[in-house]
Amino acid sequence: RIKYIKENIVKDFNIKSSDKPFKNIKILDIGCGGGLLSEPMCRLGASVVGIDASKKNIEVAKFHAKKNKLKIDYRVASPEKLKSKMKFDVIIGNPPYQ
């Protein structure tokens, strides 16, 4: 899944750089859980906001990001209740499963 997302961002934004290729990309990760997509996107240089409705998931994600010295803005929120003036270049998320 990470490879697919990365390839499409590179293609859509016509990125040529290989060192921190996402450095000017702002990503919103909806339903980020523990940060499984947020972290690799941050490592590629993106500015990442990760949101999840579960406070426990956000606590785990923040702990893991801090441990790995990654600067990711994690918030307890749902998409409709997200308070942010930031505009995002890419929005990724997990579909709800029932």
N, C-alpha and C. Protein backbone atom coordinates (compact mmCIF):
# COMPACT_ATOMS: atom_id res chain seq x y z
N ARG A 1 0.82 -1.19 0.00
CA ARG A 1 0.00 0.00 0.00
C ARG A 1 0.87 1.27 0.00
N ILE A 2 1.95 1.25 0.77
CA ILE A 2 2.85 2.41 0.82
C ILE A 2 3.47 2.65 -0.55
N LYS A 3 3.89 1.58 -1.20
CA LYS A 3 4.50 1.69 -2.52
C LYS A 3 3.51 2.32 -3.50
N TYR A 4 2.27 1.87 -3.48
CA TYR A 4 1.22 2.39 -4.36
C TYR A 4 1.01 3.88 -4.13
N ILE A 5 0.88 4.28 -2.87
CA ILE A 5 0.66 5.69 -2.52
C ILE A 5 1.86 6.53 -2.97
N LYS A 6 3.06 6.05 -2.66
CA LYS A 6 4.28 6.79 -3.03
C LYS A 6 4.36 6.97 -4.55
N GLU A 7 4.14 5.89 -5.29
CA GLU A 7 4.23 5.97 -6.76
C GLU A 7 3.23 6.97 -7.33
N ASN A 8 2.03 7.00 -6.78
CA ASN A 8 1.01 7.91 -7.29
C ASN A 8 1.29 9.36 -6.93
N ILE A 9 1.82 9.60 -5.75
CA ILE A 9 2.18 10.97 -5.38
C ILE A 9 3.33 11.46 -6.27
N VAL A 10 4.33 10.63 -6.47
CA VAL A 10 5.47 10.98 -7.33
C VAL A 10 4.98 11.30 -8.74
N LYS A 11 4.07 10.47 -9.26
CA LYS A 11 3.54 10.68 -10.61
C LYS A 11 2.68 11.94 -10.68
N ASP A 12 1.74 12.10 -9.76
CA ASP A 12 0.80 13.22 -9.80
C ASP A 12 1.48 14.57 -9.59
N PHE A 13 2.55 14.60 -8.79
CA PHE A 13 3.24 15.86 -8.51
C PHE A 13 4.52 16.00 -9.34
N ASN A 14 4.74 15.04 -10.24
CA ASN A 14 5.90 15.06 -11.14
C ASN A 14 7.20 15.28 -10.36
N ILE A 15 7.40 14.46 -9.34
CA ILE A 15 8.56 14.59 -8.45
C ILE A 15 9.77 13.88 -9.06
N LYS A 16 10.89 14.60 -9.08
CA LYS A 16 12.13 14.04 -9.63
C LYS A 16 13.14 13.71 -8.53
N SER A 17 13.06 14.41 -7.41
CA SER A 17 14.03 14.24 -6.32
C SER A 17 13.89 12.88 -5.66
N SER A 18 15.00 12.30 -5.26
CA SER A 18 14.94 11.03 -4.53
C SER A 18 15.23 11.21 -3.05
N ASP A 19 15.90 12.31 -2.68
CA ASP A 19 16.19 12.59 -1.27
C ASP A 19 15.06 13.44 -0.70
N LYS A 20 14.27 12.86 0.18
CA LYS A 20 13.09 13.54 0.77
C LYS A 20 12.17 14.06 -0.34
N PRO A 21 11.68 13.18 -1.21
CA PRO A 21 10.89 13.62 -2.36
C PRO A 21 9.58 14.33 -2.00
N PHE A 22 9.07 14.10 -0.79
CA PHE A 22 7.78 14.70 -0.43
C PHE A 22 7.93 15.97 0.40
N LYS A 23 9.11 16.62 0.36
CA LYS A 23 9.38 17.72 1.29
C LYS A 23 8.42 18.89 1.18
N ASN A 24 7.74 19.08 0.08
CA ASN A 24 6.79 20.19 -0.06
C ASN A 24 5.34 19.70 -0.11
N ILE A 25 5.11 18.47 0.29
CA ILE A 25 3.78 17.87 0.23
C ILE A 25 3.16 17.85 1.63
N LYS A 26 1.91 18.30 1.71
CA LYS A 26 1.16 18.26 2.98
C LYS A 26 0.14 17.14 2.90
N ILE A 27 0.23 16.21 3.84
CA ILE A 27 -0.63 15.01 3.81
C ILE A 27 -1.51 14.96 5.05
N LEU A 28 -2.78 14.63 4.84
CA LEU A 28 -3.71 14.34 5.92
C LEU A 28 -3.97 12.84 5.88
N ASP A 29 -3.68 12.16 6.98
CA ASP A 29 -3.91 10.72 7.10
C ASP A 29 -5.13 10.53 8.01
N ILE A 30 -6.26 10.19 7.40
CA ILE A 30 -7.52 9.99 8.14
C ILE A 30 -7.58 8.55 8.63
N GLY A 31 -7.88 8.38 9.92
CA GLY A 31 -7.91 7.03 10.50
C GLY A 31 -6.51 6.47 10.59
N CYS A 32 -5.59 7.30 11.07
CA CYS A 32 -4.16 6.96 11.05
C CYS A 32 -3.77 5.81 11.98
N GLY A 33 -4.64 5.46 12.92
CA GLY A 33 -4.30 4.38 13.85
C GLY A 33 -3.01 4.69 14.58
N GLY A 34 -2.09 3.75 14.54
CA GLY A 34 -0.80 3.92 15.22
C GLY A 34 0.25 4.60 14.37
N GLY A 35 -0.12 5.06 13.18
CA GLY A 35 0.82 5.80 12.33
C GLY A 35 1.51 4.98 11.26
N LEU A 36 0.93 3.84 10.87
CA LEU A 36 1.59 2.96 9.90
C LEU A 36 1.80 3.60 8.53
N LEU A 37 0.96 4.53 8.13
CA LEU A 37 1.18 5.26 6.88
C LEU A 37 1.80 6.63 7.13
N SER A 38 1.45 7.24 8.24
CA SER A 38 1.98 8.58 8.55
C SER A 38 3.50 8.58 8.65
N GLU A 39 4.05 7.58 9.32
CA GLU A 39 5.50 7.55 9.54
C GLU A 39 6.30 7.45 8.25
N PRO A 40 5.98 6.52 7.34
CA PRO A 40 6.77 6.47 6.11
C PRO A 40 6.61 7.73 5.26
N MET A 41 5.42 8.34 5.28
CA MET A 41 5.22 9.57 4.53
C MET A 41 6.09 10.69 5.11
N CYS A 42 6.19 10.74 6.43
CA CYS A 42 7.05 11.72 7.11
C CYS A 42 8.52 11.46 6.76
N ARG A 43 8.93 10.21 6.76
CA ARG A 43 10.32 9.87 6.42
C ARG A 43 10.67 10.29 5.00
N LEU A 44 9.65 10.32 4.12
CA LEU A 44 9.87 10.76 2.74
C LEU A 44 9.88 12.28 2.63
N GLY A 45 9.67 12.96 3.77
CA GLY A 45 9.78 14.41 3.81
C GLY A 45 8.47 15.17 3.89
N ALA A 46 7.33 14.48 3.85
CA ALA A 46 6.04 15.16 3.89
C ALA A 46 5.75 15.77 5.25
N SER A 47 4.95 16.82 5.23
CA SER A 47 4.39 17.39 6.45
C SER A 47 3.08 16.63 6.67
N VAL A 48 2.98 15.89 7.79
CA VAL A 48 1.86 14.98 7.99
C VAL A 48 1.02 15.35 9.21
N VAL A 49 -0.29 15.37 8.99
CA VAL A 49 -1.26 15.47 10.08
C VAL A 49 -2.01 14.14 10.07
N GLY A 50 -1.96 13.44 11.19
CA GLY A 50 -2.66 12.17 11.32
C GLY A 50 -3.81 12.31 12.30
N ILE A 51 -5.01 11.91 11.87
CA ILE A 51 -6.15 12.00 12.77
C ILE A 51 -6.79 10.62 12.95
N ASP A 52 -7.32 10.42 14.14
CA ASP A 52 -8.02 9.18 14.45
C ASP A 52 -9.03 9.49 15.56
N ALA A 53 -10.16 8.85 15.52
CA ALA A 53 -11.20 9.08 16.53
C ALA A 53 -10.83 8.43 17.87
N SER A 54 -9.88 7.50 17.85
CA SER A 54 -9.48 6.79 19.06
C SER A 54 -8.31 7.49 19.75
N LYS A 55 -8.57 7.94 20.97
CA LYS A 55 -7.51 8.60 21.75
C LYS A 55 -6.35 7.64 22.00
N LYS A 56 -6.67 6.38 22.24
CA LYS A 56 -5.61 5.38 22.48
C LYS A 56 -4.70 5.23 21.26
N ASN A 57 -5.30 5.18 20.06
CA ASN A 57 -4.49 5.08 18.84
C ASN A 57 -3.55 6.27 18.69
N ILE A 58 -4.06 7.46 18.98
CA ILE A 58 -3.25 8.67 18.87
C ILE A 58 -2.12 8.66 19.90
N GLU A 59 -2.41 8.20 21.11
CA GLU A 59 -1.35 8.11 22.12
C GLU A 59 -0.25 7.17 21.68
N VAL A 60 -0.61 6.02 21.11
CA VAL A 60 0.37 5.05 20.60
C VAL A 60 1.17 5.69 19.47
N ALA A 61 0.48 6.36 18.54
CA ALA A 61 1.15 6.98 17.40
C ALA A 61 2.14 8.06 17.86
N LYS A 62 1.72 8.89 18.82
CA LYS A 62 2.60 9.94 19.32
C LYS A 62 3.83 9.34 19.99
N PHE A 63 3.63 8.30 20.78
CA PHE A 63 4.74 7.64 21.46
C PHE A 63 5.75 7.10 20.44
N HIS A 64 5.23 6.41 19.43
CA HIS A 64 6.09 5.80 18.42
C HIS A 64 6.83 6.85 17.60
N ALA A 65 6.14 7.94 17.25
CA ALA A 65 6.79 9.02 16.48
C ALA A 65 7.90 9.67 17.29
N LYS A 66 7.62 9.91 18.57
CA LYS A 66 8.64 10.53 19.44
C LYS A 66 9.86 9.62 19.56
N LYS A 67 9.61 8.33 19.75
CA LYS A 67 10.70 7.36 19.87
C LYS A 67 11.57 7.34 18.62
N ASN A 68 10.95 7.55 17.46
CA ASN A 68 11.67 7.52 16.19
C ASN A 68 12.06 8.91 15.69
N LYS A 69 11.87 9.92 16.57
CA LYS A 69 12.25 11.32 16.24
C LYS A 69 11.60 11.80 14.95
N LEU A 70 10.29 11.53 14.82
CA LEU A 70 9.53 11.97 13.66
C LEU A 70 8.57 13.07 14.09
N LYS A 71 8.51 14.13 13.30
CA LYS A 71 7.63 15.26 13.62
C LYS A 71 6.32 15.07 12.84
N ILE A 72 5.33 14.51 13.52
CA ILE A 72 4.01 14.27 12.93
C ILE A 72 2.97 14.89 13.86
N ASP A 73 2.05 15.62 13.28
CA ASP A 73 0.99 16.27 14.05
C ASP A 73 -0.19 15.30 14.18
N TYR A 74 -0.23 14.58 15.30
CA TYR A 74 -1.32 13.63 15.54
C TYR A 74 -2.40 14.29 16.37
N ARG A 75 -3.66 14.06 15.97
CA ARG A 75 -4.80 14.65 16.68
C ARG A 75 -5.94 13.66 16.82
N VAL A 76 -6.62 13.73 17.96
CA VAL A 76 -7.85 12.95 18.15
C VAL A 76 -8.95 13.75 17.46
N ALA A 77 -9.45 13.23 16.34
CA ALA A 77 -10.48 13.94 15.58
C ALA A 77 -11.06 13.02 14.52
N SER A 78 -12.26 13.35 14.10
CA SER A 78 -12.85 12.74 12.92
C SER A 78 -12.74 13.77 11.80
N PRO A 79 -12.85 13.35 10.54
CA PRO A 79 -12.68 14.32 9.44
C PRO A 79 -13.63 15.51 9.54
N GLU A 80 -14.87 15.24 9.91
CA GLU A 80 -15.84 16.33 9.97
C GLU A 80 -15.63 17.28 11.14
N LYS A 81 -14.84 16.86 12.13
CA LYS A 81 -14.59 17.71 13.30
C LYS A 81 -13.16 18.23 13.36
N LEU A 82 -12.39 18.01 12.30
CA LEU A 82 -11.01 18.48 12.26
C LEU A 82 -10.99 20.00 12.14
N LYS A 83 -10.31 20.62 13.08
CA LYS A 83 -10.15 22.08 13.05
C LYS A 83 -8.74 22.39 12.57
N SER A 84 -8.64 22.76 11.30
CA SER A 84 -7.34 23.07 10.73
C SER A 84 -7.52 24.04 9.58
N LYS A 85 -6.67 25.05 9.54
CA LYS A 85 -6.70 26.00 8.43
C LYS A 85 -5.75 25.53 7.32
N MET A 86 -4.98 24.48 7.61
CA MET A 86 -4.03 23.95 6.65
C MET A 86 -4.76 23.33 5.46
N LYS A 87 -4.25 23.57 4.28
CA LYS A 87 -4.77 22.90 3.09
C LYS A 87 -3.83 21.75 2.77
N PHE A 88 -4.40 20.62 2.41
CA PHE A 88 -3.61 19.42 2.18
C PHE A 88 -3.51 19.13 0.69
N ASP A 89 -2.32 18.64 0.30
CA ASP A 89 -2.09 18.23 -1.08
C ASP A 89 -2.62 16.83 -1.33
N VAL A 90 -2.52 15.99 -0.30
CA VAL A 90 -2.90 14.58 -0.41
C VAL A 90 -3.68 14.20 0.84
N ILE A 91 -4.78 13.48 0.64
CA ILE A 91 -5.53 12.94 1.76
C ILE A 91 -5.59 11.43 1.58
N ILE A 92 -5.11 10.71 2.60
CA ILE A 92 -5.15 9.25 2.57
C ILE A 92 -5.99 8.78 3.76
N GLY A 93 -6.56 7.63 3.64
CA GLY A 93 -7.36 7.14 4.73
C GLY A 93 -7.81 5.71 4.51
N ASN A 94 -8.27 5.13 5.57
CA ASN A 94 -8.77 3.78 5.53
C ASN A 94 -10.29 3.82 5.41
N PRO A 95 -10.86 3.06 4.47
CA PRO A 95 -12.32 3.03 4.38
C PRO A 95 -12.89 2.31 5.60
N PRO A 96 -14.08 2.68 6.02
CA PRO A 96 -14.69 1.98 7.16
C PRO A 96 -15.09 0.57 6.76
N TYR A 97 -14.73 -0.38 7.57
CA TYR A 97 -15.09 -1.77 7.32
C TYR A 97 -16.20 -2.17 8.26
N GLN A 98 -17.18 -2.92 7.73
CA GLN A 98 -18.29 -3.36 8.57
C GLN A 98 -18.51 -4.83 8.41
